Amino acid sequence: MNAEDSPQKDTKRALYWAEYAKSRGLAELLGQSALTVPDPSPEIAALYCEEQKLLAEVHAGRAKSVAEAGQINLEQKYAMETRKARLNEIWNAFAARYPEYVELRQGAVPSWSEIVQLTAG
C-alpha cells in the first residue's frame, strides 16, 4: 500500500477539512454579527445605517430560505444578489478608514484584539 493512499492520510485530510470548515463558519458568523464603526463621519454613519438595514434583509432572506427548505425563486435570488452587491459597495467605501471592519464583514479571520474592538458596541 502506498503511503499516500493510507487510511492515516485520509484521516488527516478529513480532520484538516473539518477544522477548516469550523473556522470558516466562525469567521462567517463573526462577519454577520453586530459590529460597530468607531467614530464614524456623517457620511459613514449614513452608510452604516444602510448597511445595517441591508444585513437585516439578507438575514431575513436566508431565514426564509432555510424555512422553505432552500427554495428560492429568481426574484428572491436577484434581490439577494443586489443587496450583496450594495453591501460590497458600502464596504469599499469603509475600507480606507476601517479595514479591519471590512475584513471581518467579508469573512477574513481577524485577530482577537480586532474582534474585541469591533464587538465592543
Foldseek 3Di string as FASTA:
>chain_A
DDPCPDVVVVVVVVVVVVVVVVLLVVLQVQLLDDWDDPPDDPVLVVLVVVLVVLSVVLVVLVVVCVVVVNDDDPVSVVVNVVSVVSNVVSLVVCCVPCVLSSCSNVRHDDDPVSSCNTPVD
